[in-house]
Amino acid sequence: MMEQSVLERFAALEQERMDLEGRLRQVKDQLAELEPAVIDQMQNLGVDSCRVGNRTLRLETSVYCSV
């Protein structure tokens, strides 16, 4: 039979994973909410990329063709 500590550790890690996935969903939702304003602001500034902190934000255009 497994040690209880192994089961407890597994359960704790599983809970942590679930908590982190929930937090990640929240962050993704916030990013999606802010994205239109970021695009508008960058377009108003006339830039297609800018450095903010340690991140570079870029506007990219995708071209799609369907037949």
N, C-alpha and C. Protein backbone atom coordinates (compact mmCIF):
# COMPACT_ATOMS: atom_id res chain seq x y z
N MET A 1 0.84 -1.18 0.00
CA MET A 1 0.00 0.00 0.00
C MET A 1 0.89 1.25 0.00
N MET A 2 0.44 2.31 -0.70
CA MET A 2 1.21 3.54 -0.81
C MET A 2 1.21 4.29 0.52
N GLU A 3 2.27 5.03 0.70
CA GLU A 3 2.33 5.89 1.87
C GLU A 3 1.30 7.00 1.74
N GLN A 4 0.72 7.38 2.83
CA GLN A 4 -0.27 8.46 2.82
C GLN A 4 0.34 9.76 2.31
N SER A 5 1.62 10.00 2.62
CA SER A 5 2.26 11.25 2.21
C SER A 5 2.32 11.37 0.69
N VAL A 6 2.48 10.26 -0.01
CA VAL A 6 2.50 10.27 -1.48
C VAL A 6 1.12 10.65 -2.00
N LEU A 7 0.09 10.10 -1.41
CA LEU A 7 -1.28 10.42 -1.81
C LEU A 7 -1.61 11.88 -1.52
N GLU A 8 -1.18 12.34 -0.35
CA GLU A 8 -1.42 13.74 0.01
C GLU A 8 -0.68 14.69 -0.93
N ARG A 9 0.55 14.34 -1.25
CA ARG A 9 1.35 15.18 -2.15
C ARG A 9 0.70 15.23 -3.53
N PHE A 10 0.27 14.08 -4.03
CA PHE A 10 -0.39 14.03 -5.33
C PHE A 10 -1.66 14.86 -5.33
N ALA A 11 -2.47 14.71 -4.32
CA ALA A 11 -3.73 15.46 -4.21
C ALA A 11 -3.45 16.96 -4.13
N ALA A 12 -2.42 17.34 -3.39
CA ALA A 12 -2.07 18.76 -3.26
C ALA A 12 -1.61 19.32 -4.61
N LEU A 13 -0.81 18.55 -5.32
CA LEU A 13 -0.34 19.00 -6.63
C LEU A 13 -1.48 19.08 -7.64
N GLU A 14 -2.38 18.14 -7.56
CA GLU A 14 -3.56 18.16 -8.44
C GLU A 14 -4.41 19.40 -8.17
N GLN A 15 -4.58 19.74 -6.91
CA GLN A 15 -5.33 20.94 -6.55
C GLN A 15 -4.61 22.19 -7.04
N GLU A 16 -3.30 22.21 -6.89
CA GLU A 16 -2.50 23.35 -7.36
C GLU A 16 -2.63 23.51 -8.87
N ARG A 17 -2.59 22.39 -9.60
CA ARG A 17 -2.76 22.42 -11.05
C ARG A 17 -4.11 23.01 -11.43
N MET A 18 -5.14 22.57 -10.75
CA MET A 18 -6.48 23.08 -11.04
C MET A 18 -6.58 24.57 -10.74
N ASP A 19 -5.98 24.99 -9.63
CA ASP A 19 -5.98 26.41 -9.27
C ASP A 19 -5.24 27.24 -10.32
N LEU A 20 -4.10 26.75 -10.76
CA LEU A 20 -3.31 27.46 -11.76
C LEU A 20 -4.03 27.53 -13.10
N GLU A 21 -4.70 26.45 -13.47
CA GLU A 21 -5.47 26.46 -14.72
C GLU A 21 -6.60 27.48 -14.65
N GLY A 22 -7.23 27.58 -13.49
CA GLY A 22 -8.28 28.57 -13.29
C GLY A 22 -7.73 29.98 -13.40
N ARG A 23 -6.59 30.21 -12.79
CA ARG A 23 -5.95 31.53 -12.86
C ARG A 23 -5.53 31.85 -14.29
N LEU A 24 -5.02 30.85 -15.01
CA LEU A 24 -4.62 31.05 -16.40
C LEU A 24 -5.82 31.44 -17.25
N ARG A 25 -6.96 30.81 -17.02
CA ARG A 25 -8.19 31.18 -17.74
C ARG A 25 -8.55 32.63 -17.49
N GLN A 26 -8.42 33.06 -16.24
CA GLN A 26 -8.73 34.46 -15.89
C GLN A 26 -7.79 35.42 -16.62
N VAL A 27 -6.50 35.09 -16.64
CA VAL A 27 -5.52 35.95 -17.31
C VAL A 27 -5.81 36.01 -18.80
N LYS A 28 -6.11 34.87 -19.41
CA LYS A 28 -6.42 34.84 -20.84
C LYS A 28 -7.66 35.67 -21.14
N ASP A 29 -8.66 35.60 -20.29
CA ASP A 29 -9.87 36.41 -20.47
C ASP A 29 -9.55 37.90 -20.38
N GLN A 30 -8.70 38.28 -19.43
CA GLN A 30 -8.31 39.69 -19.28
C GLN A 30 -7.53 40.17 -20.49
N LEU A 31 -6.63 39.33 -21.00
CA LEU A 31 -5.87 39.69 -22.20
C LEU A 31 -6.80 39.88 -23.39
N ALA A 32 -7.75 38.99 -23.55
CA ALA A 32 -8.70 39.09 -24.66
C ALA A 32 -9.54 40.36 -24.54
N GLU A 33 -9.86 40.73 -23.33
CA GLU A 33 -10.64 41.94 -23.08
C GLU A 33 -9.84 43.20 -23.43
N LEU A 34 -8.55 43.19 -23.13
CA LEU A 34 -7.69 44.35 -23.37
C LEU A 34 -7.20 44.46 -24.81
N GLU A 35 -7.18 43.36 -25.53
CA GLU A 35 -6.58 43.34 -26.87
C GLU A 35 -7.12 44.40 -27.82
N PRO A 36 -8.44 44.60 -27.93
CA PRO A 36 -8.93 45.65 -28.84
C PRO A 36 -8.40 47.04 -28.49
N ALA A 37 -8.32 47.36 -27.20
CA ALA A 37 -7.81 48.66 -26.78
C ALA A 37 -6.32 48.78 -27.09
N VAL A 38 -5.57 47.70 -26.96
CA VAL A 38 -4.14 47.71 -27.28
C VAL A 38 -3.96 47.97 -28.77
N ILE A 39 -4.74 47.28 -29.59
CA ILE A 39 -4.66 47.47 -31.04
C ILE A 39 -5.00 48.90 -31.40
N ASP A 40 -6.08 49.43 -30.84
CA ASP A 40 -6.47 50.82 -31.11
C ASP A 40 -5.36 51.79 -30.72
N GLN A 41 -4.80 51.60 -29.54
CA GLN A 41 -3.77 52.53 -29.07
C GLN A 41 -2.53 52.47 -29.95
N MET A 42 -2.11 51.27 -30.34
CA MET A 42 -0.94 51.15 -31.20
C MET A 42 -1.21 51.76 -32.57
N GLN A 43 -2.41 51.57 -33.10
CA GLN A 43 -2.76 52.17 -34.38
C GLN A 43 -2.79 53.69 -34.27
N ASN A 44 -3.33 54.21 -33.18
CA ASN A 44 -3.38 55.66 -32.97
C ASN A 44 -1.98 56.25 -32.85
N LEU A 45 -1.06 55.49 -32.29
CA LEU A 45 0.33 55.94 -32.17
C LEU A 45 1.10 55.77 -33.48
N GLY A 46 0.51 55.01 -34.40
CA GLY A 46 1.16 54.77 -35.69
C GLY A 46 2.33 53.82 -35.62
N VAL A 47 2.27 52.88 -34.69
CA VAL A 47 3.36 51.90 -34.55
C VAL A 47 2.82 50.49 -34.77
N ASP A 48 3.68 49.63 -35.30
CA ASP A 48 3.27 48.23 -35.43
C ASP A 48 3.99 47.34 -34.43
N SER A 49 4.90 47.95 -33.65
CA SER A 49 5.52 47.22 -32.54
C SER A 49 6.04 48.24 -31.52
N CYS A 50 6.11 47.81 -30.28
CA CYS A 50 6.66 48.65 -29.23
C CYS A 50 7.12 47.77 -28.08
N ARG A 51 8.12 48.25 -27.39
CA ARG A 51 8.67 47.52 -26.23
C ARG A 51 8.01 48.08 -24.97
N VAL A 52 7.44 47.20 -24.17
CA VAL A 52 6.81 47.57 -22.90
C VAL A 52 7.39 46.65 -21.84
N GLY A 53 8.15 47.23 -20.94
CA GLY A 53 8.83 46.39 -19.94
C GLY A 53 9.78 45.46 -20.64
N ASN A 54 9.66 44.18 -20.38
CA ASN A 54 10.51 43.20 -21.03
C ASN A 54 9.81 42.47 -22.17
N ARG A 55 8.69 43.04 -22.65
CA ARG A 55 7.90 42.43 -23.73
C ARG A 55 7.88 43.33 -24.94
N THR A 56 7.86 42.75 -26.11
CA THR A 56 7.66 43.50 -27.34
C THR A 56 6.26 43.14 -27.86
N LEU A 57 5.45 44.17 -28.03
CA LEU A 57 4.09 43.97 -28.55
C LEU A 57 4.14 44.27 -30.04
N ARG A 58 3.52 43.42 -30.85
CA ARG A 58 3.51 43.59 -32.29
C ARG A 58 2.10 43.44 -32.84
N LEU A 59 1.78 44.27 -33.81
CA LEU A 59 0.56 44.09 -34.58
C LEU A 59 0.91 43.27 -35.81
N GLU A 60 0.19 42.22 -36.04
CA GLU A 60 0.44 41.38 -37.20
C GLU A 60 -0.83 41.25 -38.01
N THR A 61 -0.66 41.25 -39.31
CA THR A 61 -1.79 41.07 -40.22
C THR A 61 -1.70 39.68 -40.81
N SER A 62 -2.79 38.97 -40.79
CA SER A 62 -2.84 37.64 -41.39
C SER A 62 -3.71 37.71 -42.63
N VAL A 63 -3.26 37.07 -43.69
CA VAL A 63 -4.02 37.03 -44.94
C VAL A 63 -4.48 35.60 -45.15
N TYR A 64 -5.78 35.46 -45.35
CA TYR A 64 -6.37 34.15 -45.55
C TYR A 64 -7.08 34.11 -46.90
N CYS A 65 -7.05 32.95 -47.51
CA CYS A 65 -7.77 32.77 -48.76
C CYS A 65 -8.54 31.45 -48.65
N SER A 66 -9.79 31.50 -49.00
CA SER A 66 -10.55 30.25 -48.99
C SER A 66 -11.11 30.02 -50.39
N VAL A 67 -11.24 28.79 -50.71
CA VAL A 67 -11.72 28.41 -52.05
C VAL A 67 -13.07 27.75 -51.92
